[in-house]
Amino acid sequence: MIVRILGSLLAALGFGVLFNLKQHKLIYACLGGGIGALVHEFTMYLGLSSVLSLLIASMVITMYSEIMARKLKTPVTSFMVVALILLVPGGGMYYTMLEVILNRTDNAIIIGVDTLAKAGALALGTFVSTTIRKLLFFRGHQ
């Protein structure tokens, strides 16, 4: 578990460098990736499904990104993309295409639906967190 979280921190560092984040913002973006990995691993350890774990991790990452973006006066996507990209089910996409190429349609459908559910959980978690933040913080501004 600790190795995966440290690996996520390093991977987030790599993506932050790739996206050309400045040094002090890069540290916070890496921390977001580590927090997301920690939440995902912990919820999996508690016995939640991978889809629900990704949903919760996505919500936490989005809230963290929103807070850090306000604090550092940076676009939210600078933090969110670096942290969320680590949770994207790329392996599932690869194996879905592999099963299609090998003409194993049944396996491709099973893996594809699971992958789509995981990707949908990431999107839904981001949407829900952003909506909650807007409802809580912009209630009086209308």
N, C-alpha and C. Protein backbone atom coordinates (compact mmCIF):
# COMPACT_ATOMS: atom_id res chain seq x y z
N MET A 1 0.83 -1.19 0.00
CA MET A 1 0.00 0.00 0.00
C MET A 1 0.87 1.26 0.00
N ILE A 2 1.88 1.27 0.84
CA ILE A 2 2.77 2.44 0.93
C ILE A 2 3.55 2.60 -0.37
N VAL A 3 3.98 1.49 -0.95
CA VAL A 3 4.72 1.55 -2.21
C VAL A 3 3.85 2.14 -3.32
N ARG A 4 2.58 1.76 -3.36
CA ARG A 4 1.68 2.29 -4.38
C ARG A 4 1.46 3.79 -4.20
N ILE A 5 1.35 4.22 -2.96
CA ILE A 5 1.14 5.65 -2.70
C ILE A 5 2.39 6.44 -3.08
N LEU A 6 3.57 5.93 -2.72
CA LEU A 6 4.81 6.60 -3.11
C LEU A 6 4.97 6.60 -4.63
N GLY A 7 4.60 5.49 -5.25
CA GLY A 7 4.64 5.43 -6.72
C GLY A 7 3.70 6.45 -7.35
N SER A 8 2.55 6.64 -6.73
CA SER A 8 1.60 7.63 -7.23
C SER A 8 2.15 9.05 -7.08
N LEU A 9 2.84 9.29 -5.98
CA LEU A 9 3.47 10.60 -5.80
C LEU A 9 4.49 10.87 -6.90
N LEU A 10 5.30 9.86 -7.21
CA LEU A 10 6.31 10.03 -8.26
C LEU A 10 5.67 10.16 -9.64
N ALA A 11 4.62 9.39 -9.89
CA ALA A 11 3.93 9.50 -11.17
C ALA A 11 3.28 10.87 -11.32
N ALA A 12 2.70 11.37 -10.24
CA ALA A 12 2.11 12.72 -10.27
C ALA A 12 3.19 13.76 -10.52
N LEU A 13 4.35 13.55 -9.94
CA LEU A 13 5.48 14.45 -10.19
C LEU A 13 5.82 14.47 -11.68
N GLY A 14 5.87 13.29 -12.27
CA GLY A 14 6.16 13.20 -13.70
C GLY A 14 5.12 13.92 -14.55
N PHE A 15 3.85 13.71 -14.24
CA PHE A 15 2.80 14.39 -15.00
C PHE A 15 2.82 15.89 -14.75
N GLY A 16 3.13 16.30 -13.53
CA GLY A 16 3.23 17.73 -13.24
C GLY A 16 4.34 18.39 -14.02
N VAL A 17 5.47 17.71 -14.14
CA VAL A 17 6.58 18.22 -14.95
C VAL A 17 6.17 18.26 -16.41
N LEU A 18 5.50 17.21 -16.86
CA LEU A 18 5.03 17.15 -18.25
C LEU A 18 4.08 18.31 -18.57
N PHE A 19 3.22 18.66 -17.61
CA PHE A 19 2.28 19.76 -17.80
C PHE A 19 2.88 21.11 -17.43
N ASN A 20 4.18 21.14 -17.14
CA ASN A 20 4.93 22.37 -16.94
C ASN A 20 4.44 23.20 -15.75
N LEU A 21 4.14 22.53 -14.64
CA LEU A 21 3.75 23.25 -13.43
C LEU A 21 4.98 23.85 -12.77
N LYS A 22 4.81 25.00 -12.17
CA LYS A 22 5.91 25.64 -11.46
C LYS A 22 6.23 24.84 -10.19
N GLN A 23 7.41 25.07 -9.65
CA GLN A 23 7.94 24.23 -8.58
C GLN A 23 7.02 24.14 -7.36
N HIS A 24 6.55 25.27 -6.83
CA HIS A 24 5.72 25.20 -5.62
C HIS A 24 4.35 24.60 -5.92
N LYS A 25 3.82 24.81 -7.11
CA LYS A 25 2.54 24.21 -7.47
C LYS A 25 2.69 22.73 -7.76
N LEU A 26 3.86 22.35 -8.23
CA LEU A 26 4.15 20.95 -8.53
C LEU A 26 4.08 20.10 -7.27
N ILE A 27 4.57 20.62 -6.18
CA ILE A 27 4.54 19.90 -4.91
C ILE A 27 3.10 19.63 -4.48
N TYR A 28 2.24 20.64 -4.59
CA TYR A 28 0.84 20.47 -4.20
C TYR A 28 0.10 19.53 -5.16
N ALA A 29 0.45 19.57 -6.43
CA ALA A 29 -0.17 18.66 -7.39
C ALA A 29 0.23 17.21 -7.09
N CYS A 30 1.50 17.00 -6.75
CA CYS A 30 1.97 15.66 -6.37
C CYS A 30 1.26 15.18 -5.11
N LEU A 31 1.08 16.07 -4.18
CA LEU A 31 0.37 15.73 -2.95
C LEU A 31 -1.06 15.31 -3.26
N GLY A 32 -1.69 15.97 -4.21
CA GLY A 32 -3.04 15.59 -4.63
C GLY A 32 -3.08 14.18 -5.19
N GLY A 33 -2.08 13.82 -5.99
CA GLY A 33 -1.99 12.45 -6.50
C GLY A 33 -1.80 11.44 -5.39
N GLY A 34 -0.98 11.80 -4.40
CA GLY A 34 -0.78 10.91 -3.26
C GLY A 34 -2.02 10.76 -2.41
N ILE A 35 -2.74 11.85 -2.21
CA ILE A 35 -3.99 11.79 -1.44
C ILE A 35 -5.01 10.92 -2.16
N GLY A 36 -5.11 11.10 -3.48
CA GLY A 36 -6.04 10.28 -4.26
C GLY A 36 -5.70 8.80 -4.18
N ALA A 37 -4.42 8.48 -4.27
CA ALA A 37 -4.00 7.08 -4.17
C ALA A 37 -4.27 6.53 -2.77
N LEU A 38 -4.02 7.35 -1.75
CA LEU A 38 -4.28 6.93 -0.38
C LEU A 38 -5.75 6.63 -0.16
N VAL A 39 -6.62 7.52 -0.62
CA VAL A 39 -8.06 7.31 -0.47
C VAL A 39 -8.51 6.07 -1.23
N HIS A 40 -8.02 5.91 -2.46
CA HIS A 40 -8.39 4.75 -3.27
C HIS A 40 -7.94 3.45 -2.60
N GLU A 41 -6.69 3.40 -2.16
CA GLU A 41 -6.17 2.19 -1.51
C GLU A 41 -6.90 1.90 -0.20
N PHE A 42 -7.17 2.94 0.58
CA PHE A 42 -7.83 2.75 1.86
C PHE A 42 -9.26 2.25 1.68
N THR A 43 -9.99 2.82 0.73
CA THR A 43 -11.36 2.37 0.51
C THR A 43 -11.39 0.96 -0.06
N MET A 44 -10.40 0.60 -0.87
CA MET A 44 -10.31 -0.79 -1.35
C MET A 44 -10.01 -1.72 -0.18
N TYR A 45 -9.14 -1.28 0.73
CA TYR A 45 -8.81 -2.06 1.91
C TYR A 45 -10.04 -2.30 2.79
N LEU A 46 -10.93 -1.31 2.83
CA LEU A 46 -12.17 -1.45 3.61
C LEU A 46 -13.17 -2.40 2.97
N GLY A 47 -12.89 -2.82 1.74
CA GLY A 47 -13.76 -3.78 1.07
C GLY A 47 -14.75 -3.18 0.09
N LEU A 48 -14.62 -1.90 -0.20
CA LEU A 48 -15.51 -1.29 -1.18
C LEU A 48 -15.11 -1.74 -2.59
N SER A 49 -16.04 -1.68 -3.50
CA SER A 49 -15.74 -2.07 -4.89
C SER A 49 -14.79 -1.05 -5.51
N SER A 50 -14.13 -1.47 -6.57
CA SER A 50 -13.18 -0.56 -7.22
C SER A 50 -13.89 0.66 -7.81
N VAL A 51 -15.12 0.48 -8.28
CA VAL A 51 -15.87 1.60 -8.84
C VAL A 51 -16.21 2.61 -7.74
N LEU A 52 -16.69 2.14 -6.62
CA LEU A 52 -17.03 3.04 -5.51
C LEU A 52 -15.76 3.69 -4.94
N SER A 53 -14.68 2.95 -4.88
CA SER A 53 -13.41 3.51 -4.41
C SER A 53 -12.94 4.64 -5.32
N LEU A 54 -13.07 4.44 -6.63
CA LEU A 54 -12.68 5.48 -7.57
C LEU A 54 -13.59 6.70 -7.47
N LEU A 55 -14.87 6.47 -7.22
CA LEU A 55 -15.81 7.57 -7.05
C LEU A 55 -15.41 8.43 -5.85
N ILE A 56 -15.14 7.80 -4.74
CA ILE A 56 -14.76 8.52 -3.52
C ILE A 56 -13.42 9.23 -3.70
N ALA A 57 -12.45 8.53 -4.28
CA ALA A 57 -11.14 9.14 -4.52
C ALA A 57 -11.25 10.34 -5.46
N SER A 58 -12.08 10.22 -6.47
CA SER A 58 -12.29 11.32 -7.41
C SER A 58 -12.91 12.53 -6.71
N MET A 59 -13.85 12.28 -5.83
CA MET A 59 -14.47 13.38 -5.08
C MET A 59 -13.45 14.08 -4.18
N VAL A 60 -12.62 13.30 -3.51
CA VAL A 60 -11.60 13.87 -2.63
C VAL A 60 -10.58 14.67 -3.43
N ILE A 61 -10.13 14.12 -4.56
CA ILE A 61 -9.16 14.82 -5.40
C ILE A 61 -9.75 16.14 -5.91
N THR A 62 -11.00 16.11 -6.32
CA THR A 62 -11.62 17.32 -6.84
C THR A 62 -11.75 18.38 -5.75
N MET A 63 -12.16 17.99 -4.55
CA MET A 63 -12.25 18.95 -3.45
C MET A 63 -10.87 19.53 -3.12
N TYR A 64 -9.87 18.65 -3.06
CA TYR A 64 -8.50 19.11 -2.80
C TYR A 64 -8.05 20.09 -3.88
N SER A 65 -8.31 19.75 -5.13
CA SER A 65 -7.91 20.60 -6.25
C SER A 65 -8.60 21.95 -6.20
N GLU A 66 -9.87 21.95 -5.84
CA GLU A 66 -10.62 23.21 -5.73
C GLU A 66 -10.03 24.09 -4.63
N ILE A 67 -9.71 23.50 -3.51
CA ILE A 67 -9.15 24.26 -2.39
C ILE A 67 -7.78 24.82 -2.74
N MET A 68 -6.92 23.97 -3.31
CA MET A 68 -5.56 24.41 -3.63
C MET A 68 -5.57 25.45 -4.76
N ALA A 69 -6.48 25.30 -5.70
CA ALA A 69 -6.56 26.28 -6.79
C ALA A 69 -6.93 27.66 -6.26
N ARG A 70 -7.85 27.71 -5.30
CA ARG A 70 -8.23 28.99 -4.71
C ARG A 70 -7.07 29.57 -3.90
N LYS A 71 -6.42 28.70 -3.15
CA LYS A 71 -5.33 29.14 -2.28
C LYS A 71 -4.14 29.67 -3.09
N LEU A 72 -3.81 28.98 -4.19
CA LEU A 72 -2.63 29.34 -4.97
C LEU A 72 -2.96 30.17 -6.21
N LYS A 73 -4.26 30.52 -6.37
CA LYS A 73 -4.71 31.34 -7.51
C LYS A 73 -4.25 30.74 -8.84
N THR A 74 -4.63 29.50 -9.03
CA THR A 74 -4.27 28.72 -10.21
C THR A 74 -5.52 28.03 -10.72
N PRO A 75 -5.61 27.74 -12.02
CA PRO A 75 -6.77 26.98 -12.50
C PRO A 75 -6.88 25.60 -11.83
N VAL A 76 -8.09 25.20 -11.57
CA VAL A 76 -8.35 23.93 -10.88
C VAL A 76 -7.78 22.75 -11.66
N THR A 77 -7.85 22.84 -12.98
CA THR A 77 -7.39 21.72 -13.80
C THR A 77 -5.90 21.43 -13.62
N SER A 78 -5.12 22.42 -13.22
CA SER A 78 -3.69 22.19 -12.98
C SER A 78 -3.47 21.10 -11.95
N PHE A 79 -4.28 21.09 -10.93
CA PHE A 79 -4.15 20.09 -9.88
C PHE A 79 -4.97 18.84 -10.17
N MET A 80 -6.16 19.04 -10.70
CA MET A 80 -7.08 17.93 -10.89
C MET A 80 -6.57 16.92 -11.93
N VAL A 81 -6.08 17.40 -13.05
CA VAL A 81 -5.63 16.50 -14.10
C VAL A 81 -4.43 15.68 -13.64
N VAL A 82 -3.49 16.33 -12.98
CA VAL A 82 -2.29 15.62 -12.51
C VAL A 82 -2.66 14.51 -11.53
N ALA A 83 -3.62 14.75 -10.67
CA ALA A 83 -4.01 13.74 -9.68
C ALA A 83 -4.95 12.69 -10.25
N LEU A 84 -5.91 13.10 -11.07
CA LEU A 84 -6.90 12.15 -11.59
C LEU A 84 -6.35 11.21 -12.65
N ILE A 85 -5.36 11.66 -13.39
CA ILE A 85 -4.84 10.84 -14.48
C ILE A 85 -4.24 9.53 -13.96
N LEU A 86 -3.84 9.53 -12.71
CA LEU A 86 -3.28 8.32 -12.11
C LEU A 86 -4.34 7.25 -11.90
N LEU A 87 -5.59 7.65 -11.80
CA LEU A 87 -6.67 6.70 -11.53
C LEU A 87 -7.41 6.24 -12.79
N VAL A 88 -7.07 6.82 -13.94
CA VAL A 88 -7.74 6.45 -15.20
C VAL A 88 -7.47 4.97 -15.50
N PRO A 89 -8.51 4.22 -15.81
CA PRO A 89 -8.35 2.77 -16.03
C PRO A 89 -7.76 2.43 -17.40
N GLY A 90 -6.52 2.81 -17.62
CA GLY A 90 -5.86 2.56 -18.90
C GLY A 90 -5.66 1.09 -19.19
N GLY A 91 -5.37 0.31 -18.15
CA GLY A 91 -5.20 -1.13 -18.35
C GLY A 91 -6.48 -1.78 -18.85
N GLY A 92 -7.60 -1.36 -18.30
CA GLY A 92 -8.88 -1.90 -18.75
C GLY A 92 -9.16 -1.58 -20.20
N MET A 93 -8.80 -0.37 -20.62
CA MET A 93 -8.98 0.00 -22.03
C MET A 93 -8.10 -0.87 -22.93
N TYR A 94 -6.87 -1.07 -22.50
CA TYR A 94 -5.94 -1.90 -23.27
C TYR A 94 -6.47 -3.33 -23.40
N TYR A 95 -6.87 -3.91 -22.28
CA TYR A 95 -7.33 -5.30 -22.32
C TYR A 95 -8.65 -5.46 -23.06
N THR A 96 -9.49 -4.44 -23.04
CA THR A 96 -10.72 -4.48 -23.84
C THR A 96 -10.37 -4.55 -25.32
N MET A 97 -9.46 -3.71 -25.76
CA MET A 97 -9.06 -3.72 -27.17
C MET A 97 -8.35 -5.02 -27.54
N LEU A 98 -7.56 -5.55 -26.62
CA LEU A 98 -6.87 -6.82 -26.88
C LEU A 98 -7.87 -7.94 -27.09
N GLU A 99 -8.89 -7.99 -26.25
CA GLU A 99 -9.92 -9.02 -26.39
C GLU A 99 -10.70 -8.86 -27.69
N VAL A 100 -10.93 -7.63 -28.10
CA VAL A 100 -11.61 -7.40 -29.38
C VAL A 100 -10.75 -7.90 -30.53
N ILE A 101 -9.47 -7.59 -30.49
CA ILE A 101 -8.55 -8.02 -31.56
C ILE A 101 -8.44 -9.54 -31.60
N LEU A 102 -8.44 -10.18 -30.44
CA LEU A 102 -8.36 -11.64 -30.37
C LEU A 102 -9.71 -12.31 -30.62
N ASN A 103 -10.72 -11.50 -30.93
CA ASN A 103 -12.06 -11.98 -31.26
C ASN A 103 -12.74 -12.72 -30.10
N ARG A 104 -12.46 -12.26 -28.88
CA ARG A 104 -13.11 -12.81 -27.69
C ARG A 104 -14.11 -11.76 -27.20
N THR A 105 -15.23 -11.72 -27.87
CA THR A 105 -16.22 -10.67 -27.65
C THR A 105 -16.79 -10.69 -26.23
N ASP A 106 -17.04 -11.87 -25.70
CA ASP A 106 -17.61 -11.96 -24.34
C ASP A 106 -16.69 -11.31 -23.31
N ASN A 107 -15.41 -11.65 -23.37
CA ASN A 107 -14.45 -11.06 -22.43
C ASN A 107 -14.31 -9.55 -22.66
N ALA A 108 -14.33 -9.15 -23.93
CA ALA A 108 -14.21 -7.72 -24.26
C ALA A 108 -15.37 -6.93 -23.66
N ILE A 109 -16.56 -7.49 -23.71
CA ILE A 109 -17.73 -6.80 -23.15
C ILE A 109 -17.63 -6.69 -21.64
N ILE A 110 -17.23 -7.77 -20.99
CA ILE A 110 -17.10 -7.77 -19.53
C ILE A 110 -16.06 -6.74 -19.08
N ILE A 111 -14.89 -6.79 -19.69
CA ILE A 111 -13.82 -5.86 -19.31
C ILE A 111 -14.20 -4.43 -19.69
N GLY A 112 -14.82 -4.26 -20.85
CA GLY A 112 -15.21 -2.93 -21.32
C GLY A 112 -16.24 -2.27 -20.43
N VAL A 113 -17.22 -3.03 -19.99
CA VAL A 113 -18.25 -2.48 -19.09
C VAL A 113 -17.63 -2.08 -17.76
N ASP A 114 -16.74 -2.91 -17.23
CA ASP A 114 -16.06 -2.59 -15.98
C ASP A 114 -15.22 -1.31 -16.13
N THR A 115 -14.50 -1.22 -17.24
CA THR A 115 -13.68 -0.04 -17.50
C THR A 115 -14.54 1.21 -17.64
N LEU A 116 -15.64 1.08 -18.35
CA LEU A 116 -16.56 2.21 -18.52
C LEU A 116 -17.15 2.64 -17.18
N ALA A 117 -17.46 1.68 -16.32
CA ALA A 117 -17.99 2.01 -14.99
C ALA A 117 -16.95 2.78 -14.17
N LYS A 118 -15.69 2.35 -14.26
CA LYS A 118 -14.62 3.03 -13.52
C LYS A 118 -14.41 4.45 -14.05
N ALA A 119 -14.39 4.60 -15.36
CA ALA A 119 -14.23 5.94 -15.95
C ALA A 119 -15.43 6.82 -15.60
N GLY A 120 -16.61 6.24 -15.61
CA GLY A 120 -17.81 6.98 -15.23
C GLY A 120 -17.78 7.41 -13.77
N ALA A 121 -17.22 6.56 -12.91
CA ALA A 121 -17.10 6.91 -11.49
C ALA A 121 -16.18 8.11 -11.31
N LEU A 122 -15.09 8.15 -12.07
CA LEU A 122 -14.19 9.30 -12.00
C LEU A 122 -14.90 10.58 -12.43
N ALA A 123 -15.63 10.49 -13.52
CA ALA A 123 -16.36 11.66 -14.02
C ALA A 123 -17.46 12.09 -13.06
N LEU A 124 -18.20 11.13 -12.54
CA LEU A 124 -19.29 11.44 -11.62
C LEU A 124 -18.76 12.05 -10.33
N GLY A 125 -17.67 11.52 -9.81
CA GLY A 125 -17.08 12.08 -8.59
C GLY A 125 -16.64 13.52 -8.78
N THR A 126 -16.06 13.80 -9.93
CA THR A 126 -15.65 15.17 -10.25
C THR A 126 -16.86 16.09 -10.35
N PHE A 127 -17.89 15.61 -11.03
CA PHE A 127 -19.12 16.40 -11.20
C PHE A 127 -19.79 16.69 -9.86
N VAL A 128 -19.93 15.66 -9.04
CA VAL A 128 -20.61 15.82 -7.74
C VAL A 128 -19.84 16.78 -6.84
N SER A 129 -18.53 16.62 -6.76
CA SER A 129 -17.73 17.51 -5.91
C SER A 129 -17.79 18.95 -6.37
N THR A 130 -17.69 19.15 -7.66
CA THR A 130 -17.76 20.51 -8.20
C THR A 130 -19.12 21.14 -7.94
N THR A 131 -20.17 20.35 -8.10
CA THR A 131 -21.52 20.85 -7.85
C THR A 131 -21.72 21.19 -6.38
N ILE A 132 -21.25 20.34 -5.49
CA ILE A 132 -21.36 20.61 -4.05
C ILE A 132 -20.62 21.89 -3.69
N ARG A 133 -19.42 22.06 -4.23
CA ARG A 133 -18.66 23.27 -3.94
C ARG A 133 -19.40 24.51 -4.42
N LYS A 134 -19.96 24.44 -5.61
CA LYS A 134 -20.69 25.59 -6.13
C LYS A 134 -21.93 25.90 -5.30
N LEU A 135 -22.62 24.87 -4.85
CA LEU A 135 -23.80 25.08 -4.02
C LEU A 135 -23.44 25.68 -2.66
N LEU A 136 -22.35 25.23 -2.08
CA LEU A 136 -21.96 25.70 -0.76
C LEU A 136 -21.35 27.10 -0.78
N PHE A 137 -20.51 27.38 -1.77
CA PHE A 137 -19.74 28.62 -1.74
C PHE A 137 -20.33 29.75 -2.56
N PHE A 138 -21.23 29.45 -3.47
CA PHE A 138 -21.77 30.50 -4.31
C PHE A 138 -23.25 30.73 -4.07
N ARG A 139 -23.75 30.28 -2.95
CA ARG A 139 -25.17 30.43 -2.63
C ARG A 139 -25.58 31.89 -2.53
N GLY A 140 -24.77 32.72 -1.90
CA GLY A 140 -25.12 34.11 -1.69
C GLY A 140 -24.73 35.05 -2.82
N HIS A 141 -24.03 34.55 -3.83
CA HIS A 141 -23.52 35.42 -4.90
C HIS A 141 -24.51 35.62 -6.04
N GLN A 142 -25.70 35.05 -5.96
CA GLN A 142 -26.62 35.14 -7.10
C GLN A 142 -27.60 36.25 -6.95
